[in-house]
C-alpha atoms as a PDB file:
ATOM      1  CA  MET A   1     222.256-108.651 -82.892  1.00  0.00           C
ATOM      2  CA  VAL A   2     219.199-109.283 -80.724  1.00  0.00           C
ATOM      3  CA  THR A   3     220.252-112.856 -79.946  1.00  0.00           C
ATOM      4  CA  SER A   4     223.691-111.688 -78.781  1.00  0.00           C
ATOM      5  CA  ILE A   5     222.051-109.136 -76.476  1.00  0.00           C
ATOM      6  CA  ILE A   6     219.732-111.821 -75.100  1.00  0.00           C
ATOM      7  CA  LYS A   7     222.644-114.215 -74.558  1.00  0.00           C
ATOM      8  CA  THR A   8     224.690-111.507 -72.839  1.00  0.00           C
ATOM      9  CA  THR A   9     221.753-110.543 -70.636  1.00  0.00           C
ATOM     10  CA  TYR A  10     221.152-114.198 -69.742  1.00  0.00           C
ATOM     11  CA  TYR A  11     224.830-114.677 -68.868  1.00  0.00           C
ATOM     12  CA  ILE A  12     224.876-111.536 -66.701  1.00  0.00           C
ATOM     13  CA  CYS A  13     221.701-112.638 -64.914  1.00  0.00           C
ATOM     14  CA  THR A  14     223.100-116.103 -64.165  1.00  0.00           C
ATOM     15  CA  VAL A  15     226.317-114.616 -62.791  1.00  0.00           C
ATOM     16  CA  ILE A  16     224.404-112.086 -60.727  1.00  0.00           C
ATOM     17  CA  GLN A  17     222.060-114.732 -59.340  1.00  0.00           C
ATOM     18  CA  GLN A  18     224.999-116.567 -57.818  1.00  0.00           C
ATOM     19  CA  ALA A  19     226.323-113.514 -55.984  1.00  0.00           C
ATOM     20  CA  THR A  20     224.846-111.462 -53.203  1.00  0.00           C
ATOM     21  CA  PHE A  21     226.087-107.967 -52.538  1.00  0.00           C
ATOM     22  CA  LEU A  22     225.111-106.053 -49.406  1.00  0.00           C
ATOM     23  CA  PHE A  23     222.261-108.484 -48.750  1.00  0.00           C
ATOM     24  CA  ILE A  24     220.791-107.831 -52.189  1.00  0.00           C
ATOM     25  CA  SER A  25     220.038-110.925 -54.227  1.00  0.00           C
ATOM     26  CA  GLY A  26     221.070-111.380 -57.822  1.00  0.00           C
ATOM     27  CA  ALA A  27     217.546-110.912 -59.106  1.00  0.00           C
ATOM     28  CA  GLU A  28     217.264-107.588 -57.293  1.00  0.00           C
ATOM     29  CA  ILE A  29     220.578-106.401 -58.741  1.00  0.00           C
ATOM     30  CA  ALA A  30     219.435-107.412 -62.229  1.00  0.00           C
ATOM     31  CA  PHE A  31     216.159-105.527 -61.717  1.00  0.00           C
ATOM     32  CA  ILE A  32     218.022-102.400 -60.573  1.00  0.00           C
ATOM     33  CA  LEU A  33     220.303-102.619 -63.629  1.00  0.00           C
ATOM     34  CA  PHE A  34     217.269-103.041 -65.889  1.00  0.00           C
ATOM     35  CA  ILE A  35     215.601 -99.949 -64.408  1.00  0.00           C
ATOM     36  CA  ALA A  36     218.863 -97.970 -64.726  1.00  0.00           C
ATOM     37  CA  ILE A  37     219.112 -98.913 -68.404  1.00  0.00           C
ATOM     38  CA  MET A  38     215.483 -97.946 -68.971  1.00  0.00           C
ATOM     39  CA  VAL A  39     215.858 -94.572 -67.218  1.00  0.00           C
ATOM     40  CA  PHE A  40     219.284 -93.463 -68.479  1.00  0.00           C
ATOM     41  CA  GLY A  41     219.593 -95.442 -71.687  1.00  0.00           C
ATOM     42  CA  ALA A  42     222.299 -97.870 -72.692  1.00  0.00           C
ATOM     43  CA  ASP A  43     224.456 -95.169 -74.270  1.00  0.00           C
ATOM     44  CA  LYS A  44     224.585 -92.981 -71.124  1.00  0.00           C
ATOM     45  CA  LEU A  45     225.144 -95.786 -68.588  1.00  0.00           C
ATOM     46  CA  PRO A  46     228.908 -96.265 -69.233  1.00  0.00           C
ATOM     47  CA  GLU A  47     229.425 -92.506 -68.963  1.00  0.00           C
ATOM     48  CA  ILE A  48     227.592 -92.419 -65.626  1.00  0.00           C
ATOM     49  CA  ALA A  49     229.550 -95.420 -64.319  1.00  0.00           C
ATOM     50  CA  ARG A  50     232.824 -93.801 -65.417  1.00  0.00           C
ATOM     51  CA  GLY A  51     231.922 -90.596 -63.578  1.00  0.00           C
ATOM     52  CA  LEU A  52     231.009 -92.519 -60.434  1.00  0.00           C
ATOM     53  CA  GLY A  53     234.286 -94.447 -60.653  1.00  0.00           C
ATOM     54  CA  LYS A  54     236.308 -91.257 -60.960  1.00  0.00           C
ATOM     55  CA  GLY A  55     234.457 -89.733 -58.021  1.00  0.00           C
ATOM     56  CA  MET A  56     235.082 -92.790 -55.859  1.00  0.00           C
ATOM     57  CA  ARG A  57     238.765 -92.787 -56.839  1.00  0.00           C
ATOM     58  CA  THR A  58     239.077 -89.090 -55.962  1.00  0.00           C
ATOM     59  CA  LEU A  59     237.453 -89.729 -52.586  1.00  0.00           C
ATOM     60  CA  LYS A  60     239.778 -92.664 -51.895  1.00  0.00           C
ATOM     61  CA  ASP A  61     242.847 -90.620 -52.854  1.00  0.00           C
ATOM     62  CA  ALA A  62     241.746 -87.738 -50.629  1.00  0.00           C
ATOM     63  CA  THR A  63     241.191 -90.128 -47.711  1.00  0.00           C
ATOM     64  CA  ASN A  64     244.630 -91.674 -48.191  1.00  0.00           C
ATOM     65  CA  ASP A  65     246.233 -88.214 -48.356  1.00  0.00           C
ATOM     66  CA  ILE A  66     244.549 -87.214 -45.091  1.00  0.00           C
ATOM     67  CA  LYS A  67     245.673 -90.437 -43.390  1.00  0.00           C
ATOM     68  CA  HIS A  68     249.219 -89.951 -44.633  1.00  0.00           C
ATOM     69  CA  GLU A  69     249.284 -86.322 -43.464  1.00  0.00           C
ATOM     70  CA  ILE A  70     247.983 -87.233 -40.004  1.00  0.00           C
ATOM     71  CA  THR A  71     250.542 -90.027 -39.644  1.00  0.00           C
ATOM     72  CA  LYS A  72     253.369 -87.781 -40.844  1.00  0.00           C
ATOM     73  CA  THR A  73     252.369 -84.995 -38.445  1.00  0.00           C
ATOM     74  CA  ALA A  74     252.070 -87.428 -35.530  1.00  0.00           C
ATOM     75  CA  GLU A  75     255.526 -88.865 -36.204  1.00  0.00           C
ATOM     76  CA  LYS A  76     256.983 -85.367 -36.639  1.00  0.00           C
ATOM     77  CA  ASN A  77     255.601 -84.306 -33.241  1.00  0.00           C
ATOM     78  CA  GLY A  78     256.894 -87.447 -31.550  1.00  0.00           C
ATOM     79  CA  LEU A  79     253.525 -89.123 -30.994  1.00  0.00           C
ATOM     80  CA  ASP A  80     253.524 -92.905 -30.752  1.00  0.00           C
ATOM     81  CA  THR A  81     251.716 -94.311 -33.780  1.00  0.00           C
ATOM     82  CA  SER A  82     252.442 -97.927 -32.882  1.00  0.00           C
ATOM     83  CA  ILE A  83     249.329 -97.929 -30.679  1.00  0.00           C
ATOM     84  CA  ALA A  84     247.147 -97.898 -33.772  1.00  0.00           C
ATOM     85  CA  LYS A  85     249.114-100.823 -35.197  1.00  0.00           C
ATOM     86  CA  ASP A  86     248.711-102.768 -31.943  1.00  0.00           C
ATOM     87  CA  VAL A  87     244.961-102.118 -31.894  1.00  0.00           C
ATOM     88  CA  LYS A  88     244.686-103.216 -35.533  1.00  0.00           C
ATOM     89  CA  LYS A  89     246.561-106.448 -34.770  1.00  0.00           C
ATOM     90  CA  GLU A  90     244.270-107.167 -31.815  1.00  0.00           C
ATOM     91  CA  LEU A  91     241.151-106.450 -33.877  1.00  0.00           C
ATOM     92  CA  ASP A  92     242.398-108.737 -36.642  1.00  0.00           C
ATOM     93  CA  ARG A  93     243.014-111.495 -34.089  1.00  0.00           C
ATOM     94  CA  VAL A  94     239.503-111.122 -32.653  1.00  0.00           C
ATOM     95  CA  LYS A  95     238.041-111.062 -36.171  1.00  0.00           C
ATOM     96  CA  ASP A  96     239.865-114.300 -37.018  1.00  0.00           C
ATOM     97  CA  ASP A  97     238.594-115.915 -33.800  1.00  0.00           C
ATOM     98  CA  ILE A  98     235.023-114.913 -34.630  1.00  0.00           C
ATOM     99  CA  GLU A  99     235.367-116.227 -38.188  1.00  0.00           C
ATOM    100  CA  ASP A 100     236.709-119.527 -36.852  1.00  0.00           C
ATOM    101  CA  PHE A 101     233.740-119.814 -34.488  1.00  0.00           C
ATOM    102  CA  THR A 102     231.103-118.829 -37.027  1.00  0.00           C
ATOM    103  CA  GLY A 103     232.683-121.115 -39.624  1.00  0.00           C
ATOM    104  CA  SER A 104     231.990-124.136 -37.450  1.00  0.00           C
ATOM    105  CA  VAL A 105     228.439-122.909 -36.778  1.00  0.00           C
ATOM    106  CA  LYS A 106     227.796-122.388 -40.509  1.00  0.00           C
ATOM    107  CA  ARG A 107     229.031-125.882 -41.351  1.00  0.00           C
ATOM    108  CA  LYS A 108     226.562-127.441 -38.887  1.00  0.00           C
ATOM    109  CA  PHE A 109     223.603-125.934 -40.734  1.00  0.00           C
END
Protein backbone atom coordinates (compact mmCIF):
# COMPACT_ATOMS: atom_id res chain seq x y z
CA MET A 1 0.00 0.00 0.00
CA VAL A 2 2.69 2.48 1.02
CA THR A 3 4.91 1.59 -1.94
CA SER A 4 2.04 2.19 -4.39
CA ILE A 5 1.41 5.61 -2.83
CA ILE A 6 5.12 6.44 -3.08
CA LYS A 7 5.24 5.30 -6.71
CA THR A 8 2.12 7.31 -7.56
CA THR A 9 3.51 10.38 -5.82
CA TYR A 10 6.83 9.99 -7.65
CA TYR A 11 5.05 9.65 -11.00
CA ILE A 12 2.90 12.74 -10.33
CA CYS A 13 5.97 14.74 -9.30
CA THR A 14 7.89 13.77 -12.45
CA VAL A 15 4.94 14.73 -14.66
CA ILE A 16 4.47 17.99 -12.81
CA GLN A 17 8.16 18.86 -13.02
CA GLN A 18 7.97 18.79 -16.80
CA ALA A 19 5.05 21.21 -16.99
CA THR A 20 4.78 24.83 -16.01
CA PHE A 21 1.40 26.40 -15.41
CA LEU A 22 0.97 30.15 -15.03
CA PHE A 23 4.71 30.57 -14.45
CA ILE A 24 4.63 28.12 -11.56
CA SER A 25 7.19 25.35 -11.73
CA GLY A 26 6.40 21.70 -11.20
CA ALA A 27 8.04 21.63 -7.80
CA GLU A 28 5.90 24.55 -6.64
CA ILE A 29 2.73 22.84 -7.87
CA ALA A 30 3.72 19.64 -6.06
CA PHE A 31 4.37 21.63 -2.87
CA ILE A 32 0.96 23.33 -3.12
CA LEU A 33 -0.72 19.94 -3.63
CA PHE A 34 1.17 18.54 -0.63
CA ILE A 35 0.02 21.43 1.57
CA ALA A 36 -3.57 21.04 0.31
CA ILE A 37 -3.52 17.34 1.20
CA MET A 38 -2.10 18.12 4.64
CA VAL A 39 -4.69 20.83 5.36
CA PHE A 40 -7.85 19.24 3.93
CA GLY A 41 -6.96 15.57 4.04
CA ALA A 42 -6.91 13.08 1.20
CA ASP A 43 -10.55 12.12 1.67
CA LYS A 44 -11.88 15.70 1.36
CA LEU A 45 -9.70 16.79 -1.58
CA PRO A 46 -11.75 15.08 -4.35
CA GLU A 47 -14.93 16.57 -2.90
CA ILE A 48 -13.39 20.05 -2.92
CA ALA A 49 -12.10 19.62 -6.48
CA ARG A 50 -15.53 18.39 -7.61
CA GLY A 51 -17.19 21.45 -6.06
CA LEU A 52 -14.69 23.78 -7.72
CA GLY A 53 -15.26 22.04 -11.05
CA LYS A 54 -19.02 22.43 -10.78
CA GLY A 55 -18.64 26.09 -9.86
CA MET A 56 -16.36 26.73 -12.83
CA ARG A 57 -18.78 24.92 -15.15
CA THR A 58 -21.70 26.99 -13.84
CA LEU A 59 -19.73 30.18 -14.40
CA LYS A 60 -18.80 29.12 -17.94
CA ASP A 61 -22.42 28.24 -18.75
CA ALA A 62 -23.64 31.57 -17.39
CA THR A 63 -21.04 33.44 -19.46
CA ASN A 64 -22.04 31.56 -22.61
CA ASP A 65 -25.73 32.28 -21.94
CA ILE A 66 -25.00 35.99 -21.56
CA LYS A 67 -22.96 36.04 -24.78
CA HIS A 68 -25.71 34.20 -26.64
CA GLU A 69 -28.39 36.57 -25.31
CA ILE A 70 -26.39 39.66 -26.28
CA THR A 71 -25.76 38.29 -29.78
CA LYS A 72 -29.42 37.33 -30.21
CA THR A 73 -30.61 40.76 -29.05
CA ALA A 74 -28.13 42.54 -31.33
CA GLU A 75 -29.26 40.52 -34.35
CA LYS A 76 -32.93 41.05 -33.43
CA ASN A 77 -32.41 44.84 -33.31
CA GLY A 78 -30.54 44.86 -36.61
CA LEU A 79 -27.08 45.60 -35.21
CA ASP A 80 -24.13 44.42 -37.27
CA THR A 81 -22.35 41.65 -35.37
CA SER A 82 -19.88 40.94 -38.16
CA ILE A 83 -17.64 43.70 -36.78
CA ALA A 84 -16.75 41.51 -33.83
CA LYS A 85 -15.91 38.65 -36.20
CA ASP A 86 -13.70 40.95 -38.29
CA VAL A 87 -11.87 42.19 -35.19
CA LYS A 88 -11.37 38.60 -34.00
CA LYS A 89 -9.93 37.61 -37.39
CA GLU A 90 -7.53 40.57 -37.32
CA LEU A 91 -6.45 39.79 -33.76
CA ASP A 92 -5.84 36.16 -34.69
CA ARG A 93 -3.73 37.26 -37.66
CA VAL A 94 -1.64 39.58 -35.47
CA LYS A 95 -1.29 36.83 -32.85
CA ASP A 96 -0.03 34.42 -35.52
CA ASP A 97 2.46 37.02 -36.78
CA ILE A 98 3.78 37.56 -33.26
CA GLU A 99 4.07 33.81 -32.68
CA ASP A 100 5.98 33.44 -35.95
CA PHE A 101 8.38 36.21 -34.90
CA THR A 102 8.89 34.98 -31.35
CA GLY A 103 9.31 31.41 -32.60
CA SER A 104 12.38 32.41 -34.58
CA VAL A 105 13.72 34.37 -31.59
CA LYS A 106 13.19 31.40 -29.26
CA ARG A 107 15.01 29.04 -31.62
CA LYS A 108 18.09 31.30 -31.64
CA PHE A 109 18.49 30.96 -27.88
